[in-house]
Amino acid sequence: MAEPEFNATGVRIERWLRSLTRAGQVVIRDGRLALLTSYGTEIDSAPLQAVQAHKPLFAARDRALATINGHRYSLTLGAPELFLKALEAARPPRP
């Protein structure tokens, strides 16, 4: 398996007001974004072209919002800017 282009551990992953995990993982590898639980079980994944992510204006500094397969997730990361930059860098160039 190839090395991940981005890997963040200890990520709190929420969907609306429901916490899915408090110590999950966000992994970008082989052109896909995957959200994993602390046990390594996949919560959701999608090709990078189908993922939308941004930093909300009125939220904590350590949060990013991601839409994967039509589901919105709130990700509490230590540095959401690194996640957003890695996501943009891993996406293939648009024709």
N, C-alpha and C. Protein backbone atom coordinates (compact mmCIF):
# COMPACT_ATOMS: atom_id res chain seq x y z
N MET A 1 0.84 -1.16 0.00
CA MET A 1 0.00 0.00 0.00
C MET A 1 0.90 1.24 0.00
N ALA A 2 0.48 2.25 -0.72
CA ALA A 2 1.27 3.47 -0.82
C ALA A 2 1.20 4.28 0.47
N GLU A 3 2.22 5.09 0.68
CA GLU A 3 2.24 5.96 1.86
C GLU A 3 1.12 7.00 1.74
N PRO A 4 0.47 7.35 2.84
CA PRO A 4 -0.57 8.38 2.77
C PRO A 4 0.03 9.75 2.46
N GLU A 5 -0.70 10.52 1.68
CA GLU A 5 -0.29 11.87 1.37
C GLU A 5 -0.60 12.81 2.53
N PHE A 6 -1.61 12.43 3.32
CA PHE A 6 -1.97 13.19 4.52
C PHE A 6 -2.57 12.20 5.50
N ASN A 7 -2.20 12.32 6.76
CA ASN A 7 -2.73 11.45 7.79
C ASN A 7 -2.83 12.25 9.08
N ALA A 8 -4.02 12.43 9.59
CA ALA A 8 -4.23 13.13 10.85
C ALA A 8 -4.90 12.16 11.82
N THR A 9 -4.35 12.03 13.00
CA THR A 9 -4.93 11.15 14.01
C THR A 9 -5.48 12.01 15.15
N GLY A 10 -6.31 11.41 15.96
CA GLY A 10 -6.90 12.13 17.08
C GLY A 10 -7.92 13.15 16.64
N VAL A 11 -8.60 12.88 15.54
CA VAL A 11 -9.57 13.82 14.96
C VAL A 11 -10.96 13.50 15.49
N ARG A 12 -11.64 14.51 15.96
CA ARG A 12 -13.05 14.34 16.36
C ARG A 12 -13.89 14.49 15.10
N ILE A 13 -14.69 13.47 14.79
CA ILE A 13 -15.52 13.47 13.60
C ILE A 13 -16.98 13.47 14.04
N GLU A 14 -17.72 14.49 13.60
CA GLU A 14 -19.14 14.61 13.96
C GLU A 14 -19.98 14.73 12.70
N ARG A 15 -21.19 14.26 12.80
CA ARG A 15 -22.16 14.43 11.74
C ARG A 15 -23.38 15.05 12.39
N TRP A 16 -23.64 16.30 12.06
CA TRP A 16 -24.62 17.16 12.73
C TRP A 16 -24.25 17.24 14.20
N LEU A 17 -25.11 16.86 15.08
CA LEU A 17 -24.80 16.95 16.51
C LEU A 17 -24.34 15.61 17.09
N ARG A 18 -24.16 14.62 16.23
CA ARG A 18 -23.77 13.29 16.68
C ARG A 18 -22.28 13.09 16.50
N SER A 19 -21.61 12.76 17.59
CA SER A 19 -20.19 12.48 17.53
C SER A 19 -19.99 11.03 17.08
N LEU A 20 -19.25 10.84 15.97
CA LEU A 20 -18.99 9.50 15.47
C LEU A 20 -17.74 8.90 16.11
N THR A 21 -16.75 9.74 16.38
CA THR A 21 -15.54 9.30 17.07
C THR A 21 -14.82 10.52 17.62
N ARG A 22 -14.14 10.32 18.74
CA ARG A 22 -13.37 11.42 19.33
C ARG A 22 -11.89 11.30 19.04
N ALA A 23 -11.48 10.18 18.48
CA ALA A 23 -10.06 9.98 18.20
C ALA A 23 -9.89 9.26 16.86
N GLY A 24 -10.55 9.79 15.84
CA GLY A 24 -10.51 9.16 14.53
C GLY A 24 -9.31 9.57 13.70
N GLN A 25 -9.35 9.18 12.43
CA GLN A 25 -8.28 9.48 11.50
C GLN A 25 -8.87 10.05 10.22
N VAL A 26 -8.13 10.97 9.61
CA VAL A 26 -8.43 11.47 8.28
C VAL A 26 -7.22 11.11 7.43
N VAL A 27 -7.45 10.33 6.35
CA VAL A 27 -6.36 9.86 5.51
C VAL A 27 -6.63 10.21 4.06
N ILE A 28 -5.63 10.80 3.40
CA ILE A 28 -5.68 11.02 1.96
C ILE A 28 -4.62 10.10 1.36
N ARG A 29 -5.08 9.16 0.53
CA ARG A 29 -4.16 8.18 -0.06
C ARG A 29 -4.76 7.72 -1.39
N ASP A 30 -3.91 7.60 -2.39
CA ASP A 30 -4.29 7.06 -3.70
C ASP A 30 -5.51 7.77 -4.31
N GLY A 31 -5.58 9.08 -4.15
CA GLY A 31 -6.68 9.84 -4.75
C GLY A 31 -8.00 9.72 -4.03
N ARG A 32 -7.99 9.26 -2.78
CA ARG A 32 -9.22 9.12 -2.00
C ARG A 32 -9.05 9.76 -0.62
N LEU A 33 -10.15 10.24 -0.09
CA LEU A 33 -10.19 10.73 1.28
C LEU A 33 -10.99 9.72 2.08
N ALA A 34 -10.46 9.31 3.22
CA ALA A 34 -11.14 8.33 4.08
C ALA A 34 -11.22 8.88 5.49
N LEU A 35 -12.38 8.72 6.10
CA LEU A 35 -12.58 9.03 7.52
C LEU A 35 -12.66 7.69 8.24
N LEU A 36 -11.82 7.52 9.26
CA LEU A 36 -11.74 6.25 9.97
C LEU A 36 -11.98 6.46 11.46
N THR A 37 -12.53 5.43 12.11
CA THR A 37 -12.69 5.48 13.56
C THR A 37 -11.34 5.23 14.22
N SER A 38 -11.30 5.28 15.53
CA SER A 38 -10.06 5.03 16.25
C SER A 38 -9.61 3.57 16.12
N TYR A 39 -10.53 2.69 15.74
CA TYR A 39 -10.20 1.28 15.53
C TYR A 39 -9.82 0.98 14.09
N GLY A 40 -9.88 1.97 13.21
CA GLY A 40 -9.54 1.77 11.81
C GLY A 40 -10.70 1.41 10.92
N THR A 41 -11.91 1.38 11.47
CA THR A 41 -13.10 1.10 10.67
C THR A 41 -13.46 2.33 9.85
N GLU A 42 -13.81 2.12 8.60
CA GLU A 42 -14.12 3.23 7.72
C GLU A 42 -15.50 3.81 8.02
N ILE A 43 -15.55 5.11 8.24
CA ILE A 43 -16.81 5.81 8.42
C ILE A 43 -17.37 6.18 7.06
N ASP A 44 -16.51 6.77 6.23
CA ASP A 44 -16.91 7.19 4.88
C ASP A 44 -15.65 7.44 4.07
N SER A 45 -15.75 7.29 2.76
CA SER A 45 -14.63 7.61 1.88
C SER A 45 -15.17 7.93 0.50
N ALA A 46 -14.37 8.67 -0.27
CA ALA A 46 -14.77 9.07 -1.61
C ALA A 46 -13.55 9.53 -2.38
N PRO A 47 -13.63 9.51 -3.72
CA PRO A 47 -12.55 10.09 -4.51
C PRO A 47 -12.44 11.58 -4.23
N LEU A 48 -11.23 12.11 -4.34
CA LEU A 48 -11.01 13.51 -4.00
C LEU A 48 -11.84 14.47 -4.83
N GLN A 49 -12.15 14.10 -6.08
CA GLN A 49 -12.95 14.99 -6.93
C GLN A 49 -14.36 15.17 -6.38
N ALA A 50 -14.86 14.21 -5.61
CA ALA A 50 -16.21 14.26 -5.07
C ALA A 50 -16.28 14.86 -3.67
N VAL A 51 -15.14 15.27 -3.13
CA VAL A 51 -15.09 15.81 -1.76
C VAL A 51 -15.05 17.33 -1.80
N GLN A 52 -15.87 17.94 -0.98
CA GLN A 52 -15.82 19.40 -0.79
C GLN A 52 -15.43 19.65 0.66
N ALA A 53 -14.51 20.58 0.86
CA ALA A 53 -14.08 20.89 2.22
C ALA A 53 -13.76 22.36 2.33
N HIS A 54 -14.03 22.93 3.49
CA HIS A 54 -13.71 24.33 3.74
C HIS A 54 -13.64 24.56 5.24
N LYS A 55 -13.11 25.70 5.57
CA LYS A 55 -13.04 26.13 6.97
C LYS A 55 -14.20 27.10 7.21
N PRO A 56 -15.07 26.82 8.16
CA PRO A 56 -16.21 27.70 8.39
C PRO A 56 -15.78 29.04 8.97
N LEU A 57 -16.52 30.07 8.63
CA LEU A 57 -16.18 31.41 9.09
C LEU A 57 -16.41 31.58 10.59
N PHE A 58 -17.54 31.11 11.07
CA PHE A 58 -17.90 31.34 12.47
C PHE A 58 -17.87 30.04 13.26
N ALA A 59 -16.71 29.50 13.43
CA ALA A 59 -16.54 28.26 14.20
C ALA A 59 -15.16 28.31 14.86
N ALA A 60 -14.90 27.31 15.64
CA ALA A 60 -13.60 27.24 16.31
C ALA A 60 -12.48 27.17 15.27
N ARG A 61 -11.31 27.62 15.65
CA ARG A 61 -10.17 27.67 14.73
C ARG A 61 -9.70 26.30 14.27
N ASP A 62 -10.00 25.28 15.06
CA ASP A 62 -9.50 23.95 14.75
C ASP A 62 -10.49 23.08 13.98
N ARG A 63 -11.51 23.69 13.37
CA ARG A 63 -12.55 22.95 12.66
C ARG A 63 -12.49 23.10 11.17
N ALA A 64 -12.87 22.03 10.48
CA ALA A 64 -13.07 22.05 9.04
C ALA A 64 -14.36 21.28 8.76
N LEU A 65 -15.05 21.68 7.71
CA LEU A 65 -16.25 20.98 7.29
C LEU A 65 -15.96 20.26 5.99
N ALA A 66 -16.41 19.03 5.89
CA ALA A 66 -16.20 18.25 4.66
C ALA A 66 -17.51 17.59 4.26
N THR A 67 -17.81 17.62 2.97
CA THR A 67 -18.97 16.94 2.42
C THR A 67 -18.47 15.76 1.61
N ILE A 68 -18.86 14.57 2.04
CA ILE A 68 -18.42 13.33 1.41
C ILE A 68 -19.67 12.50 1.13
N ASN A 69 -19.88 12.15 -0.14
CA ASN A 69 -21.04 11.36 -0.55
C ASN A 69 -22.36 11.97 -0.07
N GLY A 70 -22.43 13.28 -0.07
CA GLY A 70 -23.65 13.97 0.33
C GLY A 70 -23.84 14.13 1.82
N HIS A 71 -22.92 13.62 2.63
CA HIS A 71 -23.00 13.75 4.08
C HIS A 71 -22.01 14.80 4.55
N ARG A 72 -22.47 15.68 5.44
CA ARG A 72 -21.60 16.74 5.97
C ARG A 72 -20.99 16.28 7.29
N TYR A 73 -19.68 16.44 7.37
CA TYR A 73 -18.94 16.06 8.57
C TYR A 73 -18.20 17.27 9.11
N SER A 74 -18.18 17.39 10.41
CA SER A 74 -17.38 18.40 11.09
C SER A 74 -16.14 17.70 11.62
N LEU A 75 -14.98 18.20 11.23
CA LEU A 75 -13.70 17.59 11.62
C LEU A 75 -12.97 18.56 12.54
N THR A 76 -12.66 18.13 13.73
CA THR A 76 -11.89 18.94 14.67
C THR A 76 -10.45 18.45 14.62
N LEU A 77 -9.62 19.21 13.92
CA LEU A 77 -8.22 18.88 13.71
C LEU A 77 -7.35 19.88 14.44
N GLY A 78 -6.12 19.53 14.66
CA GLY A 78 -5.19 20.48 15.25
C GLY A 78 -4.90 21.63 14.31
N ALA A 79 -4.75 21.33 13.02
CA ALA A 79 -4.43 22.35 12.02
C ALA A 79 -5.25 22.09 10.76
N PRO A 80 -6.47 22.63 10.68
CA PRO A 80 -7.30 22.37 9.50
C PRO A 80 -6.71 22.95 8.21
N GLU A 81 -5.85 23.96 8.33
CA GLU A 81 -5.24 24.54 7.13
C GLU A 81 -4.38 23.51 6.42
N LEU A 82 -3.65 22.68 7.19
CA LEU A 82 -2.81 21.64 6.60
C LEU A 82 -3.67 20.61 5.87
N PHE A 83 -4.81 20.27 6.44
CA PHE A 83 -5.73 19.33 5.80
C PHE A 83 -6.24 19.90 4.48
N LEU A 84 -6.67 21.15 4.48
CA LEU A 84 -7.20 21.76 3.26
C LEU A 84 -6.12 21.89 2.18
N LYS A 85 -4.90 22.25 2.58
CA LYS A 85 -3.80 22.35 1.61
C LYS A 85 -3.46 20.97 1.04
N ALA A 86 -3.42 19.96 1.89
CA ALA A 86 -3.12 18.61 1.42
C ALA A 86 -4.20 18.09 0.48
N LEU A 87 -5.46 18.44 0.76
CA LEU A 87 -6.57 18.03 -0.10
C LEU A 87 -6.43 18.65 -1.48
N GLU A 88 -6.12 19.93 -1.54
CA GLU A 88 -5.95 20.62 -2.83
C GLU A 88 -4.73 20.08 -3.58
N ALA A 89 -3.65 19.83 -2.87
CA ALA A 89 -2.44 19.34 -3.51
C ALA A 89 -2.59 17.92 -4.05
N ALA A 90 -3.41 17.11 -3.40
CA ALA A 90 -3.58 15.71 -3.82
C ALA A 90 -4.56 15.56 -4.97
N ARG A 91 -5.40 16.55 -5.19
CA ARG A 91 -6.37 16.47 -6.28
C ARG A 91 -5.65 16.53 -7.62
N PRO A 92 -6.09 15.74 -8.58
CA PRO A 92 -5.47 15.83 -9.91
C PRO A 92 -5.83 17.16 -10.55
N PRO A 93 -4.96 17.68 -11.42
CA PRO A 93 -5.26 18.95 -12.08
C PRO A 93 -6.49 18.84 -12.97
N ARG A 94 -7.26 19.90 -13.00
CA ARG A 94 -8.46 19.92 -13.83
C ARG A 94 -8.10 20.23 -15.27
N PRO A 95 -8.76 19.56 -16.22
CA PRO A 95 -8.44 19.82 -17.63
C PRO A 95 -8.94 21.16 -18.10
